[in-house]
N, C-alpha and C. Protein backbone atom coordinates (compact mmCIF):
# COMPACT_ATOMS: atom_id res chain seq x y z
N MET A 1 31.84 -16.13 -21.53
CA MET A 1 31.19 -16.20 -20.24
C MET A 1 31.07 -14.79 -19.68
N ALA A 2 29.87 -14.45 -19.19
CA ALA A 2 29.63 -13.13 -18.62
C ALA A 2 30.09 -13.09 -17.17
N LYS A 3 30.55 -11.92 -16.75
CA LYS A 3 30.93 -11.71 -15.35
C LYS A 3 29.90 -10.77 -14.73
N LEU A 4 29.44 -11.15 -13.55
CA LEU A 4 28.45 -10.35 -12.85
C LEU A 4 29.05 -9.79 -11.58
N ASN A 5 28.66 -8.58 -11.25
CA ASN A 5 29.07 -7.95 -10.01
C ASN A 5 27.80 -7.71 -9.20
N ARG A 6 27.62 -8.43 -8.11
CA ARG A 6 26.39 -8.33 -7.30
C ARG A 6 26.05 -6.91 -6.89
N SER A 7 27.06 -6.09 -6.62
CA SER A 7 26.78 -4.73 -6.15
C SER A 7 26.11 -3.88 -7.23
N ASN A 8 26.19 -4.30 -8.50
CA ASN A 8 25.57 -3.55 -9.58
C ASN A 8 24.20 -4.11 -9.99
N LEU A 9 23.82 -5.23 -9.40
CA LEU A 9 22.56 -5.87 -9.75
C LEU A 9 21.43 -5.34 -8.87
N THR A 10 20.23 -5.32 -9.45
CA THR A 10 19.07 -4.95 -8.64
C THR A 10 18.38 -6.21 -8.15
N ASP A 11 17.79 -6.11 -6.97
CA ASP A 11 17.12 -7.24 -6.34
C ASP A 11 15.62 -7.01 -6.43
N ASN A 12 14.93 -7.84 -7.22
CA ASN A 12 13.49 -7.71 -7.39
C ASN A 12 12.69 -8.45 -6.32
N SER A 13 13.37 -9.22 -5.48
CA SER A 13 12.66 -10.03 -4.50
C SER A 13 12.80 -9.50 -3.07
N ALA A 14 13.71 -8.59 -2.84
CA ALA A 14 13.91 -8.05 -1.49
C ALA A 14 12.71 -7.20 -1.08
N PRO A 15 12.43 -7.12 0.21
CA PRO A 15 11.34 -6.26 0.66
C PRO A 15 11.59 -4.80 0.28
N VAL A 16 10.50 -4.07 0.02
CA VAL A 16 10.61 -2.64 -0.26
C VAL A 16 11.07 -1.96 1.03
N PRO A 17 12.20 -1.25 0.99
CA PRO A 17 12.69 -0.59 2.20
C PRO A 17 11.77 0.54 2.68
N ARG A 18 11.81 0.79 3.97
CA ARG A 18 11.06 1.91 4.55
C ARG A 18 11.53 3.20 3.87
N GLY A 19 10.57 4.06 3.48
CA GLY A 19 10.94 5.32 2.86
C GLY A 19 9.75 6.01 2.21
N LEU A 20 10.04 7.13 1.56
CA LEU A 20 9.01 7.90 0.85
C LEU A 20 8.97 7.48 -0.61
N TYR A 21 7.76 7.27 -1.12
CA TYR A 21 7.57 6.78 -2.48
C TYR A 21 6.44 7.55 -3.15
N THR A 22 6.51 7.62 -4.48
CA THR A 22 5.39 8.12 -5.28
C THR A 22 4.61 6.91 -5.75
N VAL A 23 3.31 6.94 -5.50
CA VAL A 23 2.45 5.77 -5.72
C VAL A 23 1.31 6.14 -6.66
N LEU A 24 1.04 5.25 -7.61
CA LEU A 24 -0.08 5.39 -8.54
C LEU A 24 -1.25 4.55 -8.04
N ILE A 25 -2.44 5.15 -8.00
CA ILE A 25 -3.64 4.38 -7.69
C ILE A 25 -4.15 3.83 -9.02
N GLN A 26 -3.93 2.53 -9.24
CA GLN A 26 -4.34 1.90 -10.49
C GLN A 26 -5.85 1.74 -10.59
N ASP A 27 -6.47 1.42 -9.46
CA ASP A 27 -7.91 1.17 -9.47
C ASP A 27 -8.46 1.38 -8.06
N VAL A 28 -9.75 1.63 -7.99
CA VAL A 28 -10.46 1.76 -6.71
C VAL A 28 -11.65 0.81 -6.78
N ASP A 29 -11.67 -0.16 -5.87
CA ASP A 29 -12.73 -1.17 -5.85
C ASP A 29 -13.62 -0.94 -4.63
N PRO A 30 -14.92 -0.66 -4.85
CA PRO A 30 -15.82 -0.40 -3.72
C PRO A 30 -16.50 -1.64 -3.15
N ALA A 31 -15.97 -2.81 -3.41
CA ALA A 31 -16.59 -4.06 -2.94
C ALA A 31 -16.46 -4.22 -1.43
N PRO A 32 -17.42 -4.90 -0.80
CA PRO A 32 -17.34 -5.13 0.65
C PRO A 32 -16.19 -6.06 1.01
N SER A 33 -15.80 -6.00 2.28
CA SER A 33 -14.75 -6.87 2.80
C SER A 33 -15.19 -8.33 2.65
N LYS A 34 -14.29 -9.17 2.16
CA LYS A 34 -14.59 -10.60 2.02
C LYS A 34 -14.69 -11.29 3.37
N SER A 35 -13.93 -10.80 4.35
CA SER A 35 -13.92 -11.48 5.65
C SER A 35 -15.04 -11.02 6.57
N SER A 36 -15.36 -9.72 6.58
CA SER A 36 -16.36 -9.22 7.53
C SER A 36 -17.66 -8.76 6.87
N GLY A 37 -17.62 -8.50 5.56
CA GLY A 37 -18.79 -7.98 4.87
C GLY A 37 -18.96 -6.49 5.03
N ALA A 38 -18.06 -5.82 5.78
CA ALA A 38 -18.15 -4.38 5.99
C ALA A 38 -17.93 -3.63 4.68
N GLU A 39 -18.57 -2.47 4.56
CA GLU A 39 -18.33 -1.62 3.40
C GLU A 39 -16.85 -1.25 3.38
N MET A 40 -16.28 -1.20 2.16
CA MET A 40 -14.85 -0.98 2.08
C MET A 40 -14.48 -0.45 0.70
N LEU A 41 -13.37 0.25 0.65
CA LEU A 41 -12.73 0.62 -0.60
C LEU A 41 -11.36 -0.04 -0.63
N THR A 42 -11.00 -0.62 -1.74
CA THR A 42 -9.66 -1.17 -1.92
C THR A 42 -8.96 -0.35 -2.99
N LEU A 43 -7.86 0.31 -2.59
CA LEU A 43 -7.05 1.06 -3.53
C LEU A 43 -5.96 0.12 -4.03
N LYS A 44 -5.95 -0.16 -5.32
CA LYS A 44 -4.93 -1.01 -5.92
C LYS A 44 -3.82 -0.09 -6.39
N CYS A 45 -2.65 -0.21 -5.77
CA CYS A 45 -1.57 0.76 -5.93
C CYS A 45 -0.31 0.15 -6.53
N GLU A 46 0.49 1.03 -7.14
CA GLU A 46 1.78 0.65 -7.72
C GLU A 46 2.80 1.73 -7.42
N ILE A 47 3.96 1.34 -6.92
CA ILE A 47 5.05 2.30 -6.73
C ILE A 47 5.58 2.69 -8.10
N ILE A 48 5.69 4.01 -8.34
CA ILE A 48 6.24 4.46 -9.62
C ILE A 48 7.57 5.19 -9.47
N LYS A 49 7.87 5.68 -8.27
CA LYS A 49 9.16 6.33 -8.01
C LYS A 49 9.54 6.10 -6.57
N PRO A 50 10.79 5.94 -6.26
CA PRO A 50 11.94 5.83 -7.15
C PRO A 50 11.97 4.45 -7.82
N GLN A 51 12.77 4.38 -8.87
CA GLN A 51 12.93 3.13 -9.62
C GLN A 51 13.60 2.07 -8.75
N THR A 52 14.65 2.47 -8.08
CA THR A 52 15.38 1.57 -7.18
C THR A 52 15.78 2.33 -5.93
N VAL A 53 16.04 1.57 -4.87
CA VAL A 53 16.49 2.13 -3.59
C VAL A 53 17.64 1.27 -3.11
N GLU A 54 18.67 1.91 -2.56
CA GLU A 54 19.77 1.14 -2.00
C GLU A 54 19.43 0.79 -0.55
N ALA A 55 19.58 -0.48 -0.24
CA ALA A 55 19.30 -0.96 1.12
C ALA A 55 20.24 -2.11 1.44
N GLU A 56 20.91 -1.99 2.55
CA GLU A 56 21.83 -3.03 3.02
C GLU A 56 22.85 -3.42 1.95
N GLY A 57 23.36 -2.39 1.26
CA GLY A 57 24.42 -2.61 0.28
C GLY A 57 23.98 -3.17 -1.06
N ARG A 58 22.67 -3.21 -1.31
CA ARG A 58 22.22 -3.70 -2.62
C ARG A 58 21.12 -2.81 -3.15
N ASN A 59 20.95 -2.82 -4.46
CA ASN A 59 19.90 -2.04 -5.11
C ASN A 59 18.62 -2.86 -5.15
N VAL A 60 17.56 -2.30 -4.59
CA VAL A 60 16.27 -2.98 -4.55
C VAL A 60 15.33 -2.29 -5.54
N THR A 61 14.79 -3.06 -6.48
CA THR A 61 13.82 -2.51 -7.42
C THR A 61 12.52 -2.22 -6.68
N THR A 62 12.05 -0.99 -6.78
CA THR A 62 10.80 -0.62 -6.11
C THR A 62 9.70 -0.28 -7.12
N ALA A 63 10.05 0.38 -8.23
CA ALA A 63 9.04 0.74 -9.23
C ALA A 63 8.41 -0.53 -9.79
N GLY A 64 7.10 -0.49 -9.91
CA GLY A 64 6.38 -1.65 -10.42
C GLY A 64 5.83 -2.55 -9.34
N ARG A 65 6.29 -2.38 -8.10
CA ARG A 65 5.76 -3.19 -7.00
C ARG A 65 4.33 -2.75 -6.71
N THR A 66 3.46 -3.70 -6.51
CA THR A 66 2.05 -3.39 -6.28
C THR A 66 1.63 -3.80 -4.87
N PHE A 67 0.60 -3.13 -4.38
CA PHE A 67 0.04 -3.45 -3.07
C PHE A 67 -1.36 -2.85 -2.99
N ASN A 68 -2.13 -3.28 -2.03
CA ASN A 68 -3.47 -2.76 -1.82
C ASN A 68 -3.55 -1.97 -0.52
N VAL A 69 -4.38 -0.93 -0.54
CA VAL A 69 -4.71 -0.18 0.67
C VAL A 69 -6.18 -0.45 0.92
N TYR A 70 -6.49 -1.00 2.09
CA TYR A 70 -7.87 -1.34 2.44
C TYR A 70 -8.43 -0.26 3.35
N LEU A 71 -9.52 0.37 2.91
CA LEU A 71 -10.17 1.43 3.67
C LEU A 71 -11.57 0.95 4.05
N SER A 72 -11.70 0.53 5.29
CA SER A 72 -12.95 -0.06 5.77
C SER A 72 -13.84 1.00 6.42
N PHE A 73 -15.14 0.86 6.19
CA PHE A 73 -16.12 1.73 6.84
C PHE A 73 -16.74 1.04 8.05
N SER A 74 -16.09 0.00 8.57
CA SER A 74 -16.59 -0.64 9.79
C SER A 74 -16.50 0.36 10.93
N GLU A 75 -17.26 0.13 11.97
CA GLU A 75 -17.25 1.06 13.10
C GLU A 75 -15.84 1.23 13.67
N LYS A 76 -15.09 0.15 13.70
CA LYS A 76 -13.74 0.16 14.26
C LYS A 76 -12.76 0.99 13.41
N ALA A 77 -12.94 0.99 12.08
CA ALA A 77 -11.95 1.61 11.19
C ALA A 77 -12.42 2.87 10.49
N ALA A 78 -13.68 3.22 10.62
CA ALA A 78 -14.25 4.32 9.83
C ALA A 78 -13.55 5.66 10.05
N ALA A 79 -13.19 5.99 11.28
CA ALA A 79 -12.55 7.28 11.54
C ALA A 79 -11.23 7.39 10.78
N ARG A 80 -10.43 6.33 10.82
CA ARG A 80 -9.15 6.33 10.09
C ARG A 80 -9.39 6.40 8.58
N THR A 81 -10.40 5.67 8.10
CA THR A 81 -10.72 5.69 6.67
C THR A 81 -11.11 7.10 6.23
N LEU A 82 -11.96 7.77 7.00
CA LEU A 82 -12.37 9.13 6.62
C LEU A 82 -11.20 10.10 6.64
N THR A 83 -10.31 9.98 7.62
CA THR A 83 -9.12 10.83 7.68
C THR A 83 -8.23 10.60 6.46
N THR A 84 -8.05 9.34 6.09
CA THR A 84 -7.24 9.00 4.91
C THR A 84 -7.88 9.58 3.64
N LEU A 85 -9.20 9.43 3.51
CA LEU A 85 -9.87 9.95 2.32
C LEU A 85 -9.81 11.47 2.26
N GLU A 86 -9.91 12.14 3.42
CA GLU A 86 -9.76 13.59 3.43
C GLU A 86 -8.38 13.99 2.91
N LYS A 87 -7.36 13.26 3.31
CA LYS A 87 -5.98 13.55 2.85
C LYS A 87 -5.86 13.33 1.35
N LEU A 88 -6.32 12.16 0.88
CA LEU A 88 -6.18 11.84 -0.53
C LEU A 88 -7.05 12.71 -1.43
N LEU A 89 -8.27 12.99 -0.98
CA LEU A 89 -9.19 13.81 -1.79
C LEU A 89 -8.92 15.31 -1.63
N ASP A 90 -8.09 15.66 -0.65
CA ASP A 90 -7.72 17.05 -0.36
C ASP A 90 -8.95 17.91 -0.09
N LYS A 91 -9.82 17.38 0.78
CA LYS A 91 -11.00 18.15 1.18
C LYS A 91 -11.51 17.65 2.51
N SER A 92 -12.18 18.54 3.22
CA SER A 92 -12.79 18.16 4.49
C SER A 92 -14.12 17.49 4.21
N LEU A 93 -14.39 16.44 4.95
CA LEU A 93 -15.67 15.76 4.83
C LEU A 93 -16.58 16.23 5.96
N PRO A 94 -17.89 16.28 5.72
CA PRO A 94 -18.80 16.71 6.77
C PRO A 94 -18.82 15.71 7.93
N ASP A 95 -19.34 16.15 9.07
CA ASP A 95 -19.42 15.28 10.24
C ASP A 95 -20.27 14.05 9.96
N GLU A 96 -21.31 14.21 9.17
CA GLU A 96 -22.18 13.08 8.81
C GLU A 96 -22.03 12.84 7.32
N VAL A 97 -21.62 11.64 6.96
CA VAL A 97 -21.39 11.32 5.55
C VAL A 97 -22.14 10.06 5.17
N ASP A 98 -22.53 10.00 3.92
CA ASP A 98 -23.15 8.81 3.36
C ASP A 98 -22.02 8.00 2.72
N THR A 99 -21.81 6.79 3.19
CA THR A 99 -20.69 6.00 2.68
C THR A 99 -20.81 5.72 1.19
N GLU A 100 -22.03 5.59 0.68
CA GLU A 100 -22.19 5.37 -0.76
C GLU A 100 -21.69 6.57 -1.55
N ASP A 101 -22.00 7.78 -1.08
CA ASP A 101 -21.53 8.99 -1.76
C ASP A 101 -20.01 9.08 -1.72
N ILE A 102 -19.43 8.76 -0.57
CA ILE A 102 -17.96 8.80 -0.43
C ILE A 102 -17.32 7.78 -1.36
N LYS A 103 -17.88 6.58 -1.43
CA LYS A 103 -17.31 5.55 -2.31
C LYS A 103 -17.39 5.98 -3.77
N ILE A 104 -18.52 6.54 -4.18
CA ILE A 104 -18.67 7.00 -5.57
C ILE A 104 -17.65 8.10 -5.87
N ASP A 105 -17.50 9.05 -4.94
CA ASP A 105 -16.53 10.14 -5.11
C ASP A 105 -15.11 9.58 -5.22
N ALA A 106 -14.76 8.64 -4.35
CA ALA A 106 -13.41 8.07 -4.36
C ALA A 106 -13.14 7.31 -5.66
N VAL A 107 -14.11 6.53 -6.13
CA VAL A 107 -13.93 5.78 -7.38
C VAL A 107 -13.71 6.74 -8.54
N LYS A 108 -14.52 7.80 -8.62
CA LYS A 108 -14.40 8.77 -9.72
C LYS A 108 -13.12 9.59 -9.63
N THR A 109 -12.72 9.95 -8.42
CA THR A 109 -11.64 10.92 -8.24
C THR A 109 -10.25 10.30 -8.15
N LEU A 110 -10.12 9.16 -7.50
CA LEU A 110 -8.79 8.66 -7.17
C LEU A 110 -8.13 7.77 -8.22
N LYS A 111 -8.90 7.11 -9.06
CA LYS A 111 -8.30 6.21 -10.05
C LYS A 111 -7.35 6.97 -10.96
N SER A 112 -6.17 6.41 -11.16
CA SER A 112 -5.11 6.95 -12.03
C SER A 112 -4.44 8.20 -11.46
N LYS A 113 -4.63 8.47 -10.18
CA LYS A 113 -3.96 9.60 -9.53
C LYS A 113 -2.73 9.09 -8.79
N VAL A 114 -1.84 10.00 -8.43
CA VAL A 114 -0.63 9.65 -7.69
C VAL A 114 -0.60 10.39 -6.36
N PHE A 115 0.10 9.81 -5.40
CA PHE A 115 0.28 10.44 -4.10
C PHE A 115 1.63 10.04 -3.54
N ARG A 116 2.11 10.79 -2.56
CA ARG A 116 3.35 10.46 -1.86
C ARG A 116 2.97 9.77 -0.57
N ALA A 117 3.72 8.73 -0.23
CA ALA A 117 3.44 8.00 1.00
C ALA A 117 4.73 7.47 1.60
N ALA A 118 4.72 7.40 2.92
CA ALA A 118 5.79 6.69 3.63
C ALA A 118 5.35 5.22 3.68
N LEU A 119 6.21 4.36 3.14
CA LEU A 119 5.90 2.93 3.09
C LEU A 119 6.92 2.14 3.91
N ARG A 120 6.52 0.93 4.31
CA ARG A 120 7.44 0.04 5.00
C ARG A 120 7.11 -1.39 4.62
N PRO A 121 8.10 -2.28 4.75
CA PRO A 121 7.80 -3.69 4.47
C PRO A 121 6.93 -4.27 5.58
N GLU A 122 6.03 -5.15 5.21
CA GLU A 122 5.12 -5.78 6.17
C GLU A 122 5.31 -7.29 6.08
N PRO A 123 5.87 -7.90 7.15
CA PRO A 123 6.08 -9.35 7.09
C PRO A 123 4.75 -10.09 6.96
N GLN A 124 4.76 -11.13 6.14
CA GLN A 124 3.60 -12.01 5.99
C GLN A 124 4.03 -13.38 6.50
N TYR A 125 3.30 -13.87 7.46
CA TYR A 125 3.71 -15.08 8.17
C TYR A 125 3.04 -16.33 7.61
N GLU A 126 3.77 -17.42 7.68
CA GLU A 126 3.24 -18.72 7.32
C GLU A 126 2.20 -19.09 8.37
N THR A 127 1.02 -19.53 7.93
CA THR A 127 -0.03 -19.92 8.87
C THR A 127 -0.46 -21.36 8.61
N VAL A 128 -1.05 -21.96 9.62
CA VAL A 128 -1.47 -23.36 9.54
C VAL A 128 -2.45 -23.55 8.39
N ASP A 129 -3.42 -22.63 8.25
CA ASP A 129 -4.43 -22.79 7.21
C ASP A 129 -4.14 -21.96 5.95
N GLY A 130 -2.99 -21.27 5.92
CA GLY A 130 -2.61 -20.49 4.75
C GLY A 130 -3.32 -19.15 4.63
N ARG A 131 -4.12 -18.78 5.62
CA ARG A 131 -4.86 -17.51 5.57
C ARG A 131 -4.21 -16.47 6.46
N ALA A 132 -4.26 -15.21 6.02
CA ALA A 132 -3.72 -14.11 6.83
C ALA A 132 -4.46 -14.07 8.16
N GLY A 133 -3.71 -13.84 9.23
CA GLY A 133 -4.32 -13.74 10.55
C GLY A 133 -4.58 -15.08 11.22
N GLY A 134 -4.23 -16.15 10.53
CA GLY A 134 -4.43 -17.48 11.11
C GLY A 134 -3.34 -17.82 12.12
N VAL A 135 -3.39 -19.03 12.63
CA VAL A 135 -2.39 -19.50 13.59
C VAL A 135 -1.04 -19.61 12.88
N GLN A 136 -0.03 -18.92 13.41
CA GLN A 136 1.27 -18.87 12.77
C GLN A 136 2.05 -20.17 12.98
N VAL A 137 2.77 -20.57 11.93
CA VAL A 137 3.68 -21.71 12.02
C VAL A 137 4.99 -21.18 12.60
N LYS A 138 5.56 -21.91 13.54
CA LYS A 138 6.81 -21.49 14.20
C LYS A 138 7.96 -22.39 13.77
N ASP A 139 9.16 -21.82 13.77
CA ASP A 139 10.35 -22.61 13.46
C ASP A 139 10.83 -23.34 14.72
N ALA A 140 11.96 -24.02 14.63
CA ALA A 140 12.49 -24.80 15.74
C ALA A 140 12.81 -23.94 16.96
N ASN A 141 13.04 -22.64 16.75
CA ASN A 141 13.34 -21.73 17.86
C ASN A 141 12.09 -21.03 18.41
N GLY A 142 10.93 -21.40 17.90
CA GLY A 142 9.69 -20.80 18.37
C GLY A 142 9.36 -19.47 17.71
N GLN A 143 10.10 -19.10 16.68
CA GLN A 143 9.87 -17.83 15.97
C GLN A 143 8.90 -18.07 14.80
N PRO A 144 7.98 -17.12 14.55
CA PRO A 144 7.08 -17.29 13.41
C PRO A 144 7.87 -17.29 12.10
N ILE A 145 7.44 -18.12 11.17
CA ILE A 145 8.11 -18.23 9.87
C ILE A 145 7.53 -17.17 8.93
N ILE A 146 8.42 -16.32 8.40
CA ILE A 146 8.01 -15.29 7.45
C ILE A 146 8.05 -15.90 6.05
N ARG A 147 6.91 -15.83 5.33
CA ARG A 147 6.84 -16.40 3.98
C ARG A 147 7.10 -15.36 2.90
N GLY A 148 7.14 -14.09 3.30
CA GLY A 148 7.38 -13.01 2.35
C GLY A 148 7.06 -11.68 2.99
N TYR A 149 7.11 -10.64 2.18
CA TYR A 149 6.83 -9.29 2.67
C TYR A 149 5.84 -8.60 1.75
N GLY A 150 4.89 -7.92 2.36
CA GLY A 150 3.98 -7.05 1.64
C GLY A 150 4.46 -5.62 1.84
N ILE A 151 3.60 -4.68 1.47
CA ILE A 151 3.91 -3.26 1.61
C ILE A 151 2.80 -2.62 2.42
N SER A 152 3.18 -1.84 3.40
CA SER A 152 2.22 -1.16 4.26
C SER A 152 2.45 0.34 4.23
N VAL A 153 1.36 1.10 4.23
CA VAL A 153 1.45 2.57 4.26
C VAL A 153 1.59 3.01 5.71
N VAL A 154 2.67 3.73 6.00
CA VAL A 154 2.88 4.31 7.33
C VAL A 154 2.09 5.61 7.42
N SER A 155 2.19 6.45 6.37
CA SER A 155 1.45 7.71 6.34
C SER A 155 1.28 8.17 4.90
N PHE A 156 0.18 8.87 4.67
CA PHE A 156 -0.07 9.50 3.38
C PHE A 156 0.49 10.91 3.47
N GLU A 157 1.43 11.24 2.60
CA GLU A 157 2.15 12.51 2.68
C GLU A 157 1.61 13.59 1.76
N SER A 158 0.69 13.24 0.85
CA SER A 158 0.13 14.25 -0.05
C SER A 158 -1.25 13.81 -0.50
N ALA A 159 -1.99 14.77 -1.05
CA ALA A 159 -3.26 14.46 -1.69
C ALA A 159 -2.98 13.74 -3.00
N ALA A 160 -3.97 13.03 -3.49
CA ALA A 160 -3.84 12.36 -4.79
C ALA A 160 -4.02 13.41 -5.89
N THR A 161 -3.08 13.46 -6.81
CA THR A 161 -3.12 14.45 -7.89
C THR A 161 -2.81 13.77 -9.22
N GLU A 162 -2.91 14.55 -10.28
CA GLU A 162 -2.56 14.06 -11.61
C GLU A 162 -1.06 13.76 -11.66
N ILE A 163 -0.66 12.82 -12.46
CA ILE A 163 0.77 12.54 -12.65
C ILE A 163 1.43 13.80 -13.18
N GLY A 164 2.55 14.17 -12.56
CA GLY A 164 3.29 15.34 -13.00
C GLY A 164 2.90 16.64 -12.32
N ALA A 165 1.87 16.58 -11.44
CA ALA A 165 1.48 17.79 -10.71
C ALA A 165 2.64 18.23 -9.83
N PRO A 166 2.83 19.53 -9.61
CA PRO A 166 3.99 20.00 -8.84
C PRO A 166 4.04 19.48 -7.40
N GLU A 167 2.88 19.21 -6.79
CA GLU A 167 2.87 18.74 -5.42
C GLU A 167 3.43 17.33 -5.28
N VAL A 168 3.32 16.55 -6.36
CA VAL A 168 3.80 15.16 -6.35
C VAL A 168 4.71 14.98 -7.54
N PRO A 169 5.99 15.25 -7.37
CA PRO A 169 6.91 15.13 -8.51
C PRO A 169 6.93 13.69 -9.03
N TYR A 170 6.83 13.55 -10.32
CA TYR A 170 6.84 12.21 -10.92
C TYR A 170 8.23 11.81 -11.32
């Protein structure tokens, strides 16, 4: 019979703790938003470093966790999207930009690149219709029921570079 010590085990189901991570952009999808139809880029990302993080007395596996970054060109979100792309592409964009040109540049440039980012866990709530942003289901105490955690970018800390580039240690 094997003996296990919980303090030595890694937890693959715990939320990714707030912190700095090295992230790989696996793919860049220029498809429009499914909900609004707005032009958008979806960065499909994977944490590659650190392998594990200690949080609340346990080791949490972080490498291999995937998440998406949604960059919308809607009027409401375009300024933030352009600022994010300037950071990741490591270049200033002109005051007037063609979104098609930006999307083509991002698809060609960002796929398979890595960047440093401050990440945090993002609670995902149970909803009546099962859709994000829907009416939340509440528990007996009136608190929304959390069904799991996603990953949210707090800030982009570096431009996207090749794996192993000195600016983004792999």
